[in-house]
C-alpha atoms as a PDB file:
ATOM      1  CA  MET A   1     -26.370 -21.466  28.743  1.00  0.00           C
ATOM      2  CA  ALA A   2     -25.099 -21.907  32.252  1.00  0.00           C
ATOM      3  CA  GLY A   3     -23.474 -18.476  32.639  1.00  0.00           C
ATOM      4  CA  GLN A   4     -23.468 -16.304  35.708  1.00  0.00           C
ATOM      5  CA  PHE A   5     -25.149 -12.958  35.936  1.00  0.00           C
ATOM      6  CA  ARG A   6     -22.417 -10.296  35.839  1.00  0.00           C
ATOM      7  CA  SER A   7     -19.585 -12.687  36.366  1.00  0.00           C
ATOM      8  CA  TYR A   8     -16.396 -10.866  37.217  1.00  0.00           C
ATOM      9  CA  VAL A   9     -12.880 -12.058  36.516  1.00  0.00           C
ATOM     10  CA  TRP A  10     -10.104 -10.519  38.608  1.00  0.00           C
ATOM     11  CA  ASP A  11      -7.882  -8.587  36.230  1.00  0.00           C
ATOM     12  CA  PRO A  12      -5.076  -6.683  37.984  1.00  0.00           C
ATOM     13  CA  LEU A  13      -4.027  -4.817  34.829  1.00  0.00           C
ATOM     14  CA  LEU A  14      -7.574  -3.501  34.389  1.00  0.00           C
ATOM     15  CA  ILE A  15      -7.746  -2.445  38.039  1.00  0.00           C
ATOM     16  CA  LEU A  16      -4.382  -0.640  37.890  1.00  0.00           C
ATOM     17  CA  SER A  17      -5.323   1.132  34.682  1.00  0.00           C
ATOM     18  CA  GLN A  18      -8.635   2.214  36.223  1.00  0.00           C
ATOM     19  CA  ILE A  19      -6.789   3.548  39.294  1.00  0.00           C
ATOM     20  CA  VAL A  20      -4.432   5.551  37.062  1.00  0.00           C
ATOM     21  CA  LEU A  21      -7.383   6.785  34.994  1.00  0.00           C
ATOM     22  CA  MET A  22      -9.316   7.924  38.065  1.00  0.00           C
ATOM     23  CA  GLN A  23      -6.242   9.703  39.471  1.00  0.00           C
ATOM     24  CA  THR A  24      -5.875  11.447  36.112  1.00  0.00           C
ATOM     25  CA  VAL A  25      -9.547  12.435  36.118  1.00  0.00           C
ATOM     26  CA  TYR A  26      -9.248  13.669  39.712  1.00  0.00           C
ATOM     27  CA  TYR A  27      -6.174  15.846  39.287  1.00  0.00           C
ATOM     28  CA  GLY A  28      -6.967  16.928  35.725  1.00  0.00           C
ATOM     29  CA  SER A  29     -10.458  18.113  36.570  1.00  0.00           C
ATOM     30  CA  LEU A  30      -9.325  19.658  39.873  1.00  0.00           C
ATOM     31  CA  GLY A  31      -6.655  21.599  37.997  1.00  0.00           C
ATOM     32  CA  LEU A  32      -9.218  22.785  35.462  1.00  0.00           C
ATOM     33  CA  TRP A  33     -11.691  23.827  38.170  1.00  0.00           C
ATOM     34  CA  LEU A  34      -8.976  25.668  40.084  1.00  0.00           C
ATOM     35  CA  ALA A  35      -7.794  27.426  36.914  1.00  0.00           C
ATOM     36  CA  LEU A  36     -11.354  28.409  36.032  1.00  0.00           C
ATOM     37  CA  VAL A  37     -12.148  29.730  39.506  1.00  0.00           C
ATOM     38  CA  ASP A  38      -8.790  31.518  39.757  1.00  0.00           C
ATOM     39  CA  GLY A  39      -9.366  33.034  36.324  1.00  0.00           C
ATOM     40  CA  LEU A  40     -12.768  34.363  37.340  1.00  0.00           C
ATOM     41  CA  VAL A  41     -11.406  36.204  40.373  1.00  0.00           C
ATOM     42  CA  ARG A  42      -8.040  36.987  38.801  1.00  0.00           C
ATOM     43  CA  SER A  43      -6.044  35.085  41.395  1.00  0.00           C
ATOM     44  CA  SER A  44      -2.717  33.410  40.726  1.00  0.00           C
ATOM     45  CA  PRO A  45      -2.895  29.598  40.587  1.00  0.00           C
ATOM     46  CA  SER A  46      -0.674  27.578  42.874  1.00  0.00           C
ATOM     47  CA  LEU A  47      -0.043  23.951  43.767  1.00  0.00           C
ATOM     48  CA  ASP A  48      -0.678  24.963  47.368  1.00  0.00           C
ATOM     49  CA  GLN A  49      -4.369  25.202  46.499  1.00  0.00           C
ATOM     50  CA  MET A  50      -4.310  21.535  45.598  1.00  0.00           C
ATOM     51  CA  PHE A  51      -1.955  20.035  48.170  1.00  0.00           C
ATOM     52  CA  ASP A  52      -1.613  22.319  51.198  1.00  0.00           C
ATOM     53  CA  ALA A  53      -4.178  21.628  53.904  1.00  0.00           C
ATOM     54  CA  GLU A  54      -3.556  25.007  55.535  1.00  0.00           C
ATOM     55  CA  ILE A  55      -5.101  26.861  52.596  1.00  0.00           C
ATOM     56  CA  LEU A  56      -8.317  24.843  52.521  1.00  0.00           C
ATOM     57  CA  GLY A  57     -11.125  26.183  54.673  1.00  0.00           C
ATOM     58  CA  PHE A  58     -13.908  28.709  54.675  1.00  0.00           C
ATOM     59  CA  SER A  59     -12.129  31.380  56.747  1.00  0.00           C
ATOM     60  CA  THR A  60     -10.144  32.962  53.877  1.00  0.00           C
ATOM     61  CA  PRO A  61     -11.169  33.866  50.324  1.00  0.00           C
ATOM     62  CA  PRO A  62      -8.505  31.622  48.699  1.00  0.00           C
ATOM     63  CA  GLY A  63      -9.686  28.800  50.938  1.00  0.00           C
ATOM     64  CA  ARG A  64     -13.286  29.327  49.858  1.00  0.00           C
ATOM     65  CA  LEU A  65     -12.271  29.251  46.201  1.00  0.00           C
ATOM     66  CA  SER A  66     -10.292  26.057  46.713  1.00  0.00           C
ATOM     67  CA  MET A  67     -13.176  24.435  48.577  1.00  0.00           C
ATOM     68  CA  MET A  68     -15.565  25.403  45.778  1.00  0.00           C
ATOM     69  CA  SER A  69     -13.207  23.797  43.276  1.00  0.00           C
ATOM     70  CA  PHE A  70     -12.993  20.611  45.345  1.00  0.00           C
ATOM     71  CA  ILE A  71     -16.809  20.423  45.565  1.00  0.00           C
ATOM     72  CA  LEU A  72     -17.168  20.882  41.798  1.00  0.00           C
ATOM     73  CA  ASN A  73     -14.424  18.302  41.324  1.00  0.00           C
ATOM     74  CA  ALA A  74     -16.437  15.769  43.323  1.00  0.00           C
ATOM     75  CA  LEU A  75     -19.217  16.044  40.747  1.00  0.00           C
ATOM     76  CA  THR A  76     -16.743  15.644  37.902  1.00  0.00           C
ATOM     77  CA  CYS A  77     -15.183  12.566  39.515  1.00  0.00           C
ATOM     78  CA  ALA A  78     -18.641  11.078  40.037  1.00  0.00           C
ATOM     79  CA  LEU A  79     -19.152  11.318  36.287  1.00  0.00           C
ATOM     80  CA  GLY A  80     -15.743   9.692  35.799  1.00  0.00           C
ATOM     81  CA  LEU A  81     -16.820   6.813  38.025  1.00  0.00           C
ATOM     82  CA  LEU A  82     -20.052   6.498  36.084  1.00  0.00           C
ATOM     83  CA  TYR A  83     -18.402   6.347  32.677  1.00  0.00           C
ATOM     84  CA  PHE A  84     -15.113   4.565  33.399  1.00  0.00           C
ATOM     85  CA  ILE A  85     -15.717   2.208  36.325  1.00  0.00           C
ATOM     86  CA  ARG A  86     -19.344   1.237  35.653  1.00  0.00           C
ATOM     87  CA  ARG A  87     -19.662  -1.099  38.654  1.00  0.00           C
ATOM     88  CA  GLY A  88     -21.517   0.131  41.687  1.00  0.00           C
ATOM     89  CA  LYS A  89     -19.662  -2.218  44.019  1.00  0.00           C
ATOM     90  CA  GLN A  90     -16.315  -0.715  43.015  1.00  0.00           C
ATOM     91  CA  CYS A  91     -17.214   2.981  43.183  1.00  0.00           C
ATOM     92  CA  LEU A  92     -16.467   3.290  46.889  1.00  0.00           C
ATOM     93  CA  ASP A  93     -13.207   1.368  46.452  1.00  0.00           C
ATOM     94  CA  PHE A  94     -11.970   3.684  43.724  1.00  0.00           C
ATOM     95  CA  THR A  95     -13.117   6.798  45.599  1.00  0.00           C
ATOM     96  CA  VAL A  96     -11.216   5.758  48.728  1.00  0.00           C
ATOM     97  CA  THR A  97      -8.173   4.900  46.606  1.00  0.00           C
ATOM     98  CA  VAL A  98      -8.185   8.326  44.921  1.00  0.00           C
ATOM     99  CA  HIS A  99      -8.455  10.124  48.259  1.00  0.00           C
ATOM    100  CA  PHE A 100      -5.818   7.891  49.876  1.00  0.00           C
ATOM    101  CA  PHE A 101      -3.329   8.771  47.135  1.00  0.00           C
ATOM    102  CA  HIS A 102      -4.310  12.433  47.492  1.00  0.00           C
ATOM    103  CA  LEU A 103      -3.599  12.200  51.240  1.00  0.00           C
ATOM    104  CA  LEU A 104      -0.170  10.731  50.457  1.00  0.00           C
ATOM    105  CA  GLY A 105       0.419  13.501  47.908  1.00  0.00           C
ATOM    106  CA  CYS A 106      -0.499  16.189  50.459  1.00  0.00           C
ATOM    107  CA  TRP A 107       1.751  14.556  53.028  1.00  0.00           C
ATOM    108  CA  PHE A 108       4.657  14.406  50.559  1.00  0.00           C
ATOM    109  CA  TYR A 109       4.113  17.965  49.271  1.00  0.00           C
ATOM    110  CA  SER A 110       3.927  19.673  52.649  1.00  0.00           C
ATOM    111  CA  SER A 111       6.408  17.341  54.434  1.00  0.00           C
ATOM    112  CA  ARG A 112       3.940  16.810  57.288  1.00  0.00           C
ATOM    113  CA  PHE A 113       0.771  14.835  57.819  1.00  0.00           C
ATOM    114  CA  PRO A 114      -2.310  17.025  57.216  1.00  0.00           C
ATOM    115  CA  SER A 115      -3.824  17.900  60.588  1.00  0.00           C
ATOM    116  CA  ALA A 116      -6.887  19.805  59.380  1.00  0.00           C
ATOM    117  CA  LEU A 117     -10.080  17.883  58.743  1.00  0.00           C
ATOM    118  CA  THR A 118     -10.534  19.555  55.359  1.00  0.00           C
END
């Protein structure tokens, strides 16, 4: 047997489906975390919590709740990477891709480039 250890064949369909899956995991779990946190404090859910950079931050209570949801979402997405991607070399690539598309989504939603670091 003259095989290679962990040989990898470039499969664009697999990569695209993994990108779509990770975006689904990211936004699905973020929506669930936001709904759970909003339900606990009896706040009304909004897409602004997900896409508006002005809301995020630790200076206001809604901002703190959104930041807590984003932190919990990072743990959920790490589990998604563990179960769906399964290659350590690609974890950073998929994480950057998810956050790049989220940056584009924030830019499109608010009609301006996010200026806050959060």
